Amino acid sequence: MMGLVTALVMAGATIVGLVILGVIFLLGIRLLRPGAPKPGGNDAEEARLLQEIHRSLSRLEERVEALETLVLDGKAGREDER
């Protein structure tokens, strides 16, 4: 019974692997084909989104630093009490 389960799992994994390789192959052909339309985007919109992400990450970094300070000060205060 375990041999059958193992064989079915291996067959399923093989089929999934072949499908993934086929998709990668087809995407590679599509990207390398001459005259293929290049994926375009709105550069201004992308720049705005990247700036917004950068600002959000900067604020997040400031918050993390503030939390680190609070945690380290709390530990130092407890050690002084001992």
N, C-alpha and C. Protein backbone atom coordinates (compact mmCIF):
# COMPACT_ATOMS: atom_id res chain seq x y z
N MET A 1 0.82 -1.19 0.00
CA MET A 1 0.00 0.00 0.00
C MET A 1 0.86 1.26 0.00
N MET A 2 1.93 1.26 0.82
CA MET A 2 2.82 2.42 0.87
C MET A 2 3.54 2.60 -0.46
N GLY A 3 3.83 1.50 -1.14
CA GLY A 3 4.49 1.59 -2.43
C GLY A 3 3.60 2.28 -3.45
N LEU A 4 2.30 2.02 -3.39
CA LEU A 4 1.35 2.66 -4.30
C LEU A 4 1.24 4.14 -4.02
N VAL A 5 1.17 4.50 -2.74
CA VAL A 5 1.11 5.91 -2.36
C VAL A 5 2.37 6.64 -2.80
N THR A 6 3.50 6.02 -2.59
CA THR A 6 4.77 6.62 -2.99
C THR A 6 4.81 6.81 -4.50
N ALA A 7 4.36 5.82 -5.24
CA ALA A 7 4.36 5.91 -6.70
C ALA A 7 3.42 7.02 -7.17
N LEU A 8 2.25 7.15 -6.55
CA LEU A 8 1.31 8.21 -6.92
C LEU A 8 1.87 9.59 -6.61
N VAL A 9 2.52 9.73 -5.46
CA VAL A 9 3.12 11.01 -5.10
C VAL A 9 4.23 11.37 -6.08
N MET A 10 5.05 10.40 -6.43
CA MET A 10 6.13 10.65 -7.39
C MET A 10 5.57 11.02 -8.75
N ALA A 11 4.52 10.35 -9.19
CA ALA A 11 3.90 10.65 -10.48
C ALA A 11 3.30 12.06 -10.47
N GLY A 12 2.65 12.41 -9.38
CA GLY A 12 2.08 13.76 -9.26
C GLY A 12 3.16 14.82 -9.26
N ALA A 13 4.23 14.58 -8.54
CA ALA A 13 5.34 15.54 -8.50
C ALA A 13 5.98 15.68 -9.88
N THR A 14 6.08 14.59 -10.60
CA THR A 14 6.65 14.63 -11.95
C THR A 14 5.76 15.45 -12.88
N ILE A 15 4.46 15.25 -12.80
CA ILE A 15 3.54 16.00 -13.65
C ILE A 15 3.60 17.49 -13.32
N VAL A 16 3.60 17.83 -12.04
CA VAL A 16 3.69 19.24 -11.63
C VAL A 16 5.00 19.84 -12.12
N GLY A 17 6.09 19.11 -11.99
CA GLY A 17 7.39 19.60 -12.45
C GLY A 17 7.40 19.84 -13.95
N LEU A 18 6.81 18.92 -14.71
CA LEU A 18 6.75 19.10 -16.17
C LEU A 18 5.90 20.30 -16.56
N VAL A 19 4.80 20.51 -15.85
CA VAL A 19 3.96 21.68 -16.13
C VAL A 19 4.73 22.96 -15.85
N ILE A 20 5.43 23.00 -14.73
CA ILE A 20 6.21 24.20 -14.39
C ILE A 20 7.29 24.45 -15.44
N LEU A 21 8.01 23.42 -15.84
CA LEU A 21 9.03 23.58 -16.87
C LEU A 21 8.43 24.04 -18.19
N GLY A 22 7.26 23.53 -18.54
CA GLY A 22 6.59 23.95 -19.77
C GLY A 22 6.21 25.42 -19.73
N VAL A 23 5.69 25.87 -18.60
CA VAL A 23 5.32 27.28 -18.46
C VAL A 23 6.55 28.17 -18.57
N ILE A 24 7.64 27.77 -17.91
CA ILE A 24 8.88 28.55 -17.99
C ILE A 24 9.38 28.60 -19.43
N PHE A 25 9.32 27.47 -20.12
CA PHE A 25 9.76 27.41 -21.51
C PHE A 25 8.91 28.34 -22.38
N LEU A 26 7.60 28.28 -22.22
CA LEU A 26 6.72 29.13 -23.03
C LEU A 26 6.92 30.61 -22.72
N LEU A 27 7.11 30.95 -21.46
CA LEU A 27 7.37 32.35 -21.11
C LEU A 27 8.69 32.82 -21.70
N GLY A 28 9.70 31.95 -21.68
CA GLY A 28 10.99 32.30 -22.26
C GLY A 28 10.88 32.56 -23.75
N ILE A 29 10.14 31.72 -24.44
CA ILE A 29 9.96 31.93 -25.88
C ILE A 29 9.21 33.22 -26.13
N ARG A 30 8.20 33.48 -25.34
CA ARG A 30 7.41 34.70 -25.54
C ARG A 30 8.24 35.96 -25.30
N LEU A 31 9.11 35.94 -24.30
CA LEU A 31 9.94 37.12 -24.01
C LEU A 31 11.04 37.32 -25.04
N LEU A 32 11.58 36.24 -25.58
CA LEU A 32 12.70 36.35 -26.50
C LEU A 32 12.28 36.50 -27.95
N ARG A 33 11.01 36.31 -28.24
CA ARG A 33 10.52 36.40 -29.61
C ARG A 33 10.66 37.83 -30.11
N PRO A 34 11.29 38.01 -31.29
CA PRO A 34 11.43 39.37 -31.81
C PRO A 34 10.07 39.95 -32.18
N GLY A 35 9.93 41.22 -31.95
CA GLY A 35 8.69 41.89 -32.26
C GLY A 35 7.61 41.69 -31.22
N ALA A 36 7.96 41.05 -30.13
CA ALA A 36 6.97 40.83 -29.08
C ALA A 36 6.72 42.16 -28.37
N PRO A 37 5.48 42.43 -28.04
CA PRO A 37 5.20 43.68 -27.33
C PRO A 37 5.83 43.65 -25.95
N LYS A 38 6.51 44.71 -25.62
CA LYS A 38 7.16 44.80 -24.31
C LYS A 38 6.13 45.24 -23.28
N PRO A 39 6.19 44.65 -22.09
CA PRO A 39 5.25 45.08 -21.07
C PRO A 39 5.52 46.53 -20.69
N GLY A 40 4.53 47.36 -20.79
CA GLY A 40 4.71 48.77 -20.49
C GLY A 40 4.00 49.14 -19.21
N GLY A 41 4.33 50.28 -18.72
CA GLY A 41 3.67 50.74 -17.51
C GLY A 41 3.73 52.25 -17.46
N ASN A 42 2.98 52.79 -16.55
CA ASN A 42 2.96 54.23 -16.37
C ASN A 42 4.12 54.59 -15.44
N ASP A 43 5.16 55.19 -16.00
CA ASP A 43 6.36 55.49 -15.22
C ASP A 43 6.07 56.46 -14.07
N ALA A 44 5.21 57.43 -14.31
CA ALA A 44 4.90 58.40 -13.25
C ALA A 44 4.20 57.71 -12.09
N GLU A 45 3.28 56.82 -12.40
CA GLU A 45 2.56 56.09 -11.35
C GLU A 45 3.51 55.18 -10.57
N GLU A 46 4.40 54.50 -11.28
CA GLU A 46 5.37 53.63 -10.63
C GLU A 46 6.30 54.44 -9.72
N ALA A 47 6.73 55.61 -10.19
CA ALA A 47 7.62 56.46 -9.39
C ALA A 47 6.90 56.93 -8.13
N ARG A 48 5.63 57.30 -8.26
CA ARG A 48 4.85 57.75 -7.11
C ARG A 48 4.70 56.62 -6.09
N LEU A 49 4.41 55.42 -6.57
CA LEU A 49 4.27 54.28 -5.67
C LEU A 49 5.58 53.96 -4.96
N LEU A 50 6.69 54.01 -5.69
CA LEU A 50 7.99 53.74 -5.07
C LEU A 50 8.33 54.79 -4.02
N GLN A 51 8.01 56.06 -4.30
CA GLN A 51 8.26 57.11 -3.31
C GLN A 51 7.41 56.89 -2.07
N GLU A 52 6.17 56.50 -2.26
CA GLU A 52 5.29 56.24 -1.12
C GLU A 52 5.80 55.07 -0.29
N ILE A 53 6.26 54.03 -0.94
CA ILE A 53 6.83 52.89 -0.23
C ILE A 53 8.08 53.31 0.54
N HIS A 54 8.91 54.13 -0.09
CA HIS A 54 10.13 54.58 0.57
C HIS A 54 9.80 55.40 1.82
N ARG A 55 8.81 56.31 1.70
CA ARG A 55 8.42 57.10 2.87
C ARG A 55 7.87 56.21 3.98
N SER A 56 7.06 55.24 3.61
CA SER A 56 6.49 54.33 4.61
C SER A 56 7.57 53.53 5.31
N LEU A 57 8.54 53.06 4.54
CA LEU A 57 9.63 52.29 5.14
C LEU A 57 10.50 53.15 6.04
N SER A 58 10.68 54.41 5.67
CA SER A 58 11.46 55.32 6.52
C SER A 58 10.75 55.53 7.85
N ARG A 59 9.42 55.74 7.79
CA ARG A 59 8.66 55.91 9.04
C ARG A 59 8.71 54.64 9.88
N LEU A 60 8.62 53.49 9.22
CA LEU A 60 8.69 52.22 9.94
C LEU A 60 10.05 52.07 10.61
N GLU A 61 11.11 52.46 9.93
CA GLU A 61 12.45 52.38 10.51
C GLU A 61 12.55 53.26 11.75
N GLU A 62 11.98 54.47 11.70
CA GLU A 62 12.00 55.35 12.86
C GLU A 62 11.25 54.74 14.04
N ARG A 63 10.11 54.11 13.75
CA ARG A 63 9.34 53.48 14.82
C ARG A 63 10.10 52.32 15.45
N VAL A 64 10.75 51.53 14.62
CA VAL A 64 11.52 50.39 15.14
C VAL A 64 12.65 50.90 16.03
N GLU A 65 13.33 51.95 15.59
CA GLU A 65 14.41 52.50 16.40
C GLU A 65 13.88 53.02 17.73
N ALA A 66 12.71 53.67 17.72
CA ALA A 66 12.11 54.16 18.96
C ALA A 66 11.76 52.99 19.88
N LEU A 67 11.21 51.93 19.32
CA LEU A 67 10.89 50.76 20.14
C LEU A 67 12.15 50.11 20.70
N GLU A 68 13.21 50.04 19.90
CA GLU A 68 14.46 49.49 20.40
C GLU A 68 14.97 50.30 21.56
N THR A 69 14.88 51.62 21.46
CA THR A 69 15.33 52.49 22.55
C THR A 69 14.51 52.23 23.81
N LEU A 70 13.19 52.14 23.66
CA LEU A 70 12.34 51.89 24.82
C LEU A 70 12.66 50.54 25.48
N VAL A 71 12.86 49.52 24.66
CA VAL A 71 13.15 48.19 25.20
C VAL A 71 14.51 48.19 25.90
N LEU A 72 15.51 48.78 25.27
CA LEU A 72 16.84 48.80 25.88
C LEU A 72 16.86 49.64 27.15
N ASP A 73 16.14 50.77 27.16
CA ASP A 73 16.07 51.58 28.37
C ASP A 73 15.34 50.84 29.48
N GLY A 74 14.32 50.08 29.12
CA GLY A 74 13.58 49.28 30.12
C GLY A 74 14.46 48.22 30.72
N LYS A 75 15.27 47.56 29.90
CA LYS A 75 16.17 46.54 30.43
C LYS A 75 17.24 47.15 31.31
N ALA A 76 17.77 48.31 30.91
CA ALA A 76 18.79 48.98 31.71
C ALA A 76 18.23 49.43 33.04
N GLY A 77 17.00 49.90 33.05
CA GLY A 77 16.35 50.33 34.30
C GLY A 77 16.14 49.17 35.25
N ARG A 78 15.78 48.01 34.74
CA ARG A 78 15.58 46.85 35.58
C ARG A 78 16.89 46.33 36.14
N GLU A 79 17.95 46.44 35.36
CA GLU A 79 19.25 45.98 35.84
C GLU A 79 19.79 46.90 36.91
N ASP A 80 19.48 48.21 36.83
CA ASP A 80 19.93 49.15 37.85
C ASP A 80 19.23 48.91 39.19
N GLU A 81 17.98 48.41 39.13
CA GLU A 81 17.24 48.16 40.35
C GLU A 81 17.79 46.97 41.11
N ARG A 82 18.46 46.09 40.48
CA ARG A 82 18.98 44.87 41.12
C ARG A 82 20.12 45.16 41.99
